[in-house]
Amino acid sequence: MNSSLYIHIPFCRRRCLYCDFYSTIHDIDTAKRYIDVIAQQIDALEGGFSTAYIGGGTPTVLENDILSGLLKSVKKVVTPGAEWTVEANPDSLDDQKLSLMRECGVNRLSIGVQSLKEEKLKRLGRIHGVRKAVESIDLAAKKGFSNISIDLIFGVWGENLESWQTELEEATALPATHVSCYQLTYEKGTPLFEAMKNKSVVPLDDDTVAEMYACAIDKISVRGFEQYEVSNFARANFQCRHNLNYWNNDPYAGIGASAVSYVDGVRQSNVSDVKEYIKRYDEGRSLVASSEKLDPVRSAKETAAVKIRTKGGIDFAWFKEKTGFDLLELEKKALPKLIDQGLIKYTRAGQSVTGIRLNRQGFLFCDTVSSELL
């Protein structure tokens, strides 16, 4: 049975310069029909999900009556005590929307703050300001949300280590229980990538970005947050259960345009077009754009590649039970190489080697480690 449910709401008021997730400008008529389709799909599910995550796009850009219909459908398929997250942007969060989500059972918010510096927000093309970001977090806490995550981006052209340190101090003083710190990336197909190509934007040098990441690890950790994954920090008992499911390579169902499902070793991606998604559903055609059946070796390697991102790393016994493979044998070429490069280290219980995990340098170059394990 799927333990996690992901629902993609691709509507935004405006696309950010750096975003390469599938999204489209919000249109109320299209959104209403799209949510009707999504609700029908959810109603057809067996249910019993222990986590649900409504991401985007910007789910909170939906009008209250449309959002209400979506939330009522999700409520039918989550278990009591499930972690239920909705992504939100500060510009589309208000008292009514927060009350609606609380009443329907949403118990976790992921707020796309991205920065607490005005100039940095302008560079990123965000439509909210710092004051609105802080107000939205405070309001969410006052409305009874005790599990609030905020996203921050670092490595933005024009910023420096000192301003990033200040941002971290300000962010961790807010009533948030979870902080995600993401390095700015220049993804092909985005306006930001084009700006880099024509040199109107000059990326920060790698050493400065690495210093910023190391600063995040150190600064956030002394503020009562524990790093539990490469980009994620949480107060005690507030780790994101939905994301932990991904990092354990456990099954999940994905609904919506561009959403991905992973069930019984089969990964499927839905079409990345809202109108095409609706049309296919109305015509009774498949919504799947691509499908791949992973063989046992590939599945095991993917499990290693995602699990290594976590602070605890990979326990050999856990890996054997989950995949049927001995990690030391499966990755007999990769592991010695990564050890020699100083990116991972063995974990021990007494004299026995029990697993592997990233060391500090490995966290800086986690993508390299994951690629090697694949």
Foldseek 3Di string as FASTA:
>chain_A
DAQEEEEEDQEACDDWQQDPPQHDHDDQVLLQLLLVLLLVVLQPDPAAHQEYEYYYNALLVHDLVSSLSNLLSNLVRYDVNHAYEYEHELVRDDDVNLLSCVVSPHQEYEYEPQWLDQVQCVLRVHPDHNVSSLVRLVSSVVSPRQAYEYEYEDQAFPDALVRLLVGLVVVLVGSHFKYFYHYRDRDPPGNSVVCVVVVVGPTDDLVRRLVSLVSNQVSVVVSQWHAFFLGMTGHPPRDDPNVVCVLQVHWYHYDDAQTWTADPQKIWGFHSDSVVQSVCVVVVHDRTPDMDRDDLLRSLLLNQLSNLRTQVHDFQVVSCVVRVDRLCVSLVPLVVVCVVVQFKDFDDDVPHGGGMHGDSVNSSVSVVSSVSSD
